[in-house]
Amino acid sequence: MNKKTLITSLIIIVGILMITFFVRDWLVFYNCGAVEQCLVESSNYQNIAKFAVTAIMTIVVFFIGENCLCKRDRNFLQAGFAMALCADFCLKIMHNYAHVLEHRSDYTLLGICFFMVVQALFIYRHTRTSDTDKSSPWILIIPFTVMFITNALHLFRIFEGPTVPIIATYAAFLICSLVVACKVPSKGYFPAKNARNIKRGMILFFCCDACVGISLATGDDHSVQEIVATVANNFVWYFYTPALILLGLSGYKRKE
């Protein structure tokens, strides 16, 4: 089996997994309604299948080898996907199967921190103008400034816990990463198809995290707020899976 056939087969598996857990999510919602505890207890397959998607796409990225645009680009992309795999391990496995319930929020925050690293690596990757460009993108000043301010406010007890500073900092990283990715096609460094994959992938990544934000607005069982949160949660991986595919394939050199 050659590499192209292998990569195609892995992406087909990802597509099949996406269809199965997307259907399963809605069946659970149909059976449970907007009842958080029932939804959580009925999501074992989805949690494992979703983590498997990230794992498979990470394997796809690590198969790039000599088919990369350049070694530096490959390193950035592989490091980003490795961090995304760590993040999803915290969010889909450790959070959902932690024996000590009090630690679940810790795994969630740790997963978000890993995603900060993902976005920082993508910002570095998507702002490069040449194979040897080692400059630091100025836009990273914004999320690090948000990090400094929110943590300073946390020290003065404006925020009781680390949740607000971490979420605010990640939001800054995500928005900056989206802005940078949308400019990639106009920069002309990445090949046209790769640049489009980067832009579309990051737009889907942003939509995914927007759904995550909405899903956090939980309410009482069967309430309108809980229904909206559940529906948003069901769409998270609907956006995230194609985002991973597009970003993963953006690292492969295309034949002219």
Protein backbone atom coordinates (compact mmCIF):
# COMPACT_ATOMS: atom_id res chain seq x y z
CA MET A 1 0.00 0.00 0.00
CA ASN A 2 1.53 3.33 -1.06
CA LYS A 3 1.36 6.47 1.06
CA LYS A 4 -1.43 8.14 -0.95
CA THR A 5 -3.66 5.08 -0.62
CA LEU A 6 -2.90 4.84 3.10
CA ILE A 7 -3.69 8.51 3.72
CA THR A 8 -6.92 8.23 1.72
CA SER A 9 -7.93 5.15 3.72
CA LEU A 10 -7.27 6.91 7.03
CA ILE A 11 -9.34 9.93 5.99
CA ILE A 12 -12.20 7.64 4.92
CA ILE A 13 -12.07 6.05 8.39
CA VAL A 14 -12.20 9.54 9.92
CA GLY A 15 -15.24 10.33 7.75
CA ILE A 16 -17.00 7.14 8.84
CA LEU A 17 -16.25 7.86 12.52
CA MET A 18 -17.58 11.39 12.09
CA ILE A 19 -20.87 10.14 10.63
CA THR A 20 -21.31 7.53 13.37
CA PHE A 21 -20.65 9.81 16.34
CA PHE A 22 -22.66 12.66 14.81
CA VAL A 23 -25.67 10.35 14.39
CA ARG A 24 -25.10 8.90 17.86
CA ASP A 25 -24.98 12.40 19.41
CA TRP A 26 -28.41 13.24 18.01
CA LEU A 27 -29.89 9.87 18.96
CA VAL A 28 -28.73 10.42 22.53
CA PHE A 29 -30.23 13.91 22.49
CA TYR A 30 -33.50 12.46 21.15
CA ASN A 31 -33.59 9.79 23.88
CA CYS A 32 -32.38 11.95 26.77
CA GLY A 33 -33.66 15.39 25.93
CA ALA A 34 -31.74 18.29 27.43
CA VAL A 35 -30.71 16.45 30.59
CA GLU A 36 -27.00 16.86 31.24
CA GLN A 37 -26.45 13.76 33.38
CA CYS A 38 -28.20 11.47 30.90
CA LEU A 39 -26.25 12.98 27.99
CA VAL A 40 -22.94 12.48 29.79
CA GLU A 41 -23.68 8.88 30.74
CA SER A 42 -24.68 8.00 27.15
CA SER A 43 -21.62 9.44 25.43
CA ASN A 44 -18.97 6.75 25.90
CA TYR A 45 -18.78 5.81 22.22
CA GLN A 46 -18.69 9.43 21.09
CA ASN A 47 -15.85 10.32 23.45
CA ILE A 48 -13.65 7.47 22.23
CA ALA A 49 -14.55 7.91 18.55
CA LYS A 50 -13.84 11.66 18.68
CA PHE A 51 -10.46 11.14 20.31
CA ALA A 52 -9.73 8.47 17.67
CA VAL A 53 -10.36 11.08 14.95
CA THR A 54 -7.70 13.38 16.40
CA ALA A 55 -5.32 10.45 16.82
CA ILE A 56 -5.79 9.32 13.19
CA MET A 57 -5.31 12.83 11.81
CA THR A 58 -2.16 13.19 13.93
CA ILE A 59 -0.88 9.99 12.31
CA VAL A 60 -1.72 11.43 8.88
CA VAL A 61 0.32 14.54 9.68
CA PHE A 62 3.28 12.48 10.93
CA PHE A 63 3.22 10.53 7.64
CA ILE A 64 4.06 13.69 5.66
CA GLY A 65 7.77 12.88 5.52
CA GLU A 66 9.37 14.06 2.28
CA ASN A 67 5.99 15.21 0.94
CA CYS A 68 6.22 18.36 3.08
CA LEU A 69 6.34 21.92 1.79
CA CYS A 70 9.55 22.28 3.80
CA LYS A 71 10.93 20.71 6.97
CA ARG A 72 10.19 23.81 9.05
CA ASP A 73 6.52 23.82 8.00
CA ARG A 74 6.28 20.10 8.73
CA ASN A 75 7.73 20.59 12.22
CA PHE A 76 5.24 23.34 13.06
CA LEU A 77 2.28 21.29 11.80
CA GLN A 78 3.35 18.08 13.53
CA ALA A 79 3.97 19.90 16.81
CA GLY A 80 0.55 21.56 16.53
CA PHE A 81 -1.25 18.26 15.98
CA ALA A 82 0.71 16.58 18.79
CA MET A 83 -0.49 19.34 21.15
CA ALA A 84 -4.06 18.99 19.82
CA LEU A 85 -3.89 15.26 20.58
CA CYS A 86 -2.79 16.04 24.16
CA ALA A 87 -5.61 18.58 24.45
CA ASP A 88 -8.28 16.15 23.25
CA PHE A 89 -6.89 13.43 25.52
CA CYS A 90 -7.51 15.78 28.46
CA LEU A 91 -10.95 16.90 27.22
CA LYS A 92 -12.40 13.66 25.84
CA ILE A 93 -10.68 10.96 27.91
CA MET A 94 -9.34 12.30 31.21
CA HIS A 95 -12.24 14.71 31.78
CA ASN A 96 -14.94 12.14 31.04
CA TYR A 97 -13.35 9.17 32.79
CA ALA A 98 -11.71 10.85 35.77
CA HIS A 99 -12.43 8.83 38.93
CA VAL A 100 -12.30 11.97 41.07
CA LEU A 101 -15.06 14.28 39.88
CA GLU A 102 -13.39 17.35 41.39
CA HIS A 103 -10.47 16.92 38.96
CA ARG A 104 -12.61 17.09 35.82
CA SER A 105 -12.47 20.88 35.60
CA ASP A 106 -8.68 20.70 36.00
CA TYR A 107 -8.43 18.46 32.93
CA THR A 108 -10.67 20.84 30.99
CA LEU A 109 -8.45 23.82 31.80
CA LEU A 110 -5.33 21.79 30.98
CA GLY A 111 -6.85 20.86 27.62
CA ILE A 112 -7.52 24.53 26.87
CA CYS A 113 -3.90 25.34 27.75
CA PHE A 114 -2.72 22.73 25.25
CA PHE A 115 -4.95 24.36 22.63
CA MET A 116 -3.28 27.70 23.37
CA VAL A 117 0.01 26.11 22.35
CA VAL A 118 -1.70 24.73 19.22
CA GLN A 119 -2.86 28.20 18.19
CA ALA A 120 0.52 29.76 18.95
CA LEU A 121 2.22 27.17 16.73
CA PHE A 122 -0.33 27.75 13.96
CA ILE A 123 0.20 31.51 14.19
CA TYR A 124 3.96 30.98 13.76
CA ARG A 125 3.33 28.62 10.85
CA HIS A 126 0.82 30.81 9.04
CA THR A 127 2.76 34.08 9.33
CA ARG A 128 5.95 32.78 7.70
CA THR A 129 6.96 34.39 4.41
CA SER A 130 9.81 32.04 3.46
CA ASP A 131 11.28 28.64 4.30
CA THR A 132 13.92 30.29 6.48
CA ASP A 133 11.69 32.92 8.13
CA LYS A 134 12.37 32.75 11.86
CA SER A 135 10.79 36.06 12.86
CA SER A 136 8.33 36.24 15.76
CA PRO A 137 4.87 37.40 14.65
CA TRP A 138 3.92 40.67 16.35
CA ILE A 139 0.29 39.57 16.68
CA LEU A 140 1.29 37.23 19.53
CA ILE A 141 1.62 40.36 21.68
CA ILE A 142 -2.19 40.49 21.87
CA PRO A 143 -2.90 37.11 23.54
CA PHE A 144 0.11 37.45 25.84
CA THR A 145 -1.13 40.91 26.88
CA VAL A 146 -4.57 39.44 27.60
CA MET A 147 -2.87 36.68 29.59
CA PHE A 148 -0.91 39.22 31.66
CA ILE A 149 -3.92 41.47 32.36
CA THR A 150 -6.36 38.68 33.25
CA ASN A 151 -3.85 36.94 35.51
CA ALA A 152 -3.07 40.26 37.20
CA LEU A 153 -6.79 40.74 37.85
CA HIS A 154 -6.90 37.18 39.18
CA LEU A 155 -4.12 38.01 41.65
CA PHE A 156 -6.21 40.96 42.87
CA ARG A 157 -9.12 38.51 43.30
CA ILE A 158 -11.27 40.11 40.61
CA PHE A 159 -11.74 36.53 39.38
CA GLU A 160 -12.10 33.79 41.96
CA GLY A 161 -10.50 31.00 39.91
CA PRO A 162 -8.29 30.51 36.86
CA THR A 163 -11.18 29.75 34.49
CA VAL A 164 -11.81 33.30 33.21
CA PRO A 165 -8.11 34.15 32.60
CA ILE A 166 -7.53 30.86 30.75
CA ILE A 167 -10.67 31.14 28.59
CA ALA A 168 -10.02 34.83 27.81
CA THR A 169 -6.42 34.10 26.85
CA TYR A 170 -7.41 31.19 24.62
CA ALA A 171 -10.08 33.33 22.95
CA ALA A 172 -7.39 35.92 22.13
CA PHE A 173 -5.10 33.22 20.70
CA LEU A 174 -7.98 31.78 18.64
CA ILE A 175 -9.07 35.13 17.17
CA CYS A 176 -5.49 36.09 16.30
CA SER A 177 -4.96 32.67 14.70
CA LEU A 178 -8.13 33.11 12.63
CA VAL A 179 -7.07 36.58 11.44
CA VAL A 180 -3.63 35.29 10.46
CA ALA A 181 -5.06 32.24 8.64
CA CYS A 182 -7.49 34.38 6.61
CA LYS A 183 -4.52 36.37 5.29
CA VAL A 184 -2.54 33.30 4.20
CA PRO A 185 -3.93 33.10 0.61
CA SER A 186 -2.98 36.72 -0.06
CA LYS A 187 0.59 36.31 1.21
CA GLY A 188 1.55 33.97 -1.62
CA TYR A 189 3.99 31.82 0.35
CA PHE A 190 1.85 28.69 0.64
CA PRO A 191 0.66 27.04 -2.61
CA ALA A 192 -2.87 28.17 -3.49
CA LYS A 193 -4.64 24.93 -2.52
CA ASN A 194 -2.71 24.61 0.74
CA ALA A 195 -3.46 28.24 1.58
CA ARG A 196 -7.18 27.69 0.99
CA ASN A 197 -7.10 24.61 3.22
CA ILE A 198 -5.44 26.63 5.98
CA LYS A 199 -8.00 29.43 5.74
CA ARG A 200 -11.02 27.13 5.61
CA GLY A 201 -9.60 24.88 8.32
CA MET A 202 -9.14 27.76 10.76
CA ILE A 203 -12.60 29.17 10.00
CA LEU A 204 -14.06 25.76 10.89
CA PHE A 205 -11.81 25.62 13.98
CA PHE A 206 -13.23 28.99 15.06
CA CYS A 207 -16.82 27.79 14.48
CA CYS A 208 -16.02 24.69 16.54
CA ASP A 209 -14.79 26.76 19.49
CA ALA A 210 -17.74 29.15 19.15
CA CYS A 211 -19.99 26.12 19.64
CA VAL A 212 -17.88 25.08 22.63
CA GLY A 213 -18.45 28.52 24.15
CA ILE A 214 -22.22 28.29 23.63
CA SER A 215 -22.28 24.74 25.03
CA LEU A 216 -20.79 26.00 28.30
CA ALA A 217 -23.92 28.07 28.94
CA THR A 218 -25.71 25.19 30.61
CA GLY A 219 -28.99 25.61 32.44
CA ASP A 220 -31.66 23.56 34.20
CA ASP A 221 -32.73 20.25 32.66
CA HIS A 222 -35.13 20.70 29.73
CA SER A 223 -34.69 24.49 29.85
CA VAL A 224 -34.24 26.48 26.64
CA GLN A 225 -30.69 27.36 27.71
CA GLU A 226 -29.81 23.69 28.22
CA ILE A 227 -31.32 22.75 24.84
CA VAL A 228 -29.27 25.45 23.07
CA ALA A 229 -26.12 24.30 24.91
CA THR A 230 -26.71 20.67 23.94
CA VAL A 231 -27.38 21.48 20.28
CA ALA A 232 -24.21 23.61 20.16
CA ASN A 233 -22.23 20.79 21.76
CA ASN A 234 -23.48 18.36 19.09
CA PHE A 235 -22.07 20.64 16.38
CA VAL A 236 -18.59 21.03 17.92
CA TRP A 237 -17.05 18.02 16.17
CA TYR A 238 -19.12 18.64 13.04
CA PHE A 239 -16.82 21.64 12.53
CA TYR A 240 -13.72 20.31 14.28
CA THR A 241 -13.32 17.10 12.23
CA PRO A 242 -13.16 18.79 8.79
CA ALA A 243 -10.93 21.47 10.34
CA LEU A 244 -8.44 18.78 11.34
CA ILE A 245 -8.62 17.21 7.87
CA LEU A 246 -8.05 20.51 6.04
CA LEU A 247 -5.22 21.63 8.32
CA GLY A 248 -3.60 18.20 8.18
CA LEU A 249 -3.68 18.08 4.38
CA SER A 250 -2.39 21.65 4.15
CA GLY A 251 1.07 20.33 5.03
CA TYR A 252 1.30 18.02 2.02
CA LYS A 253 3.08 19.16 -1.13
CA ARG A 254 0.82 18.93 -4.17
CA LYS A 255 1.95 17.85 -7.60
CA GLU A 256 1.74 20.59 -10.20
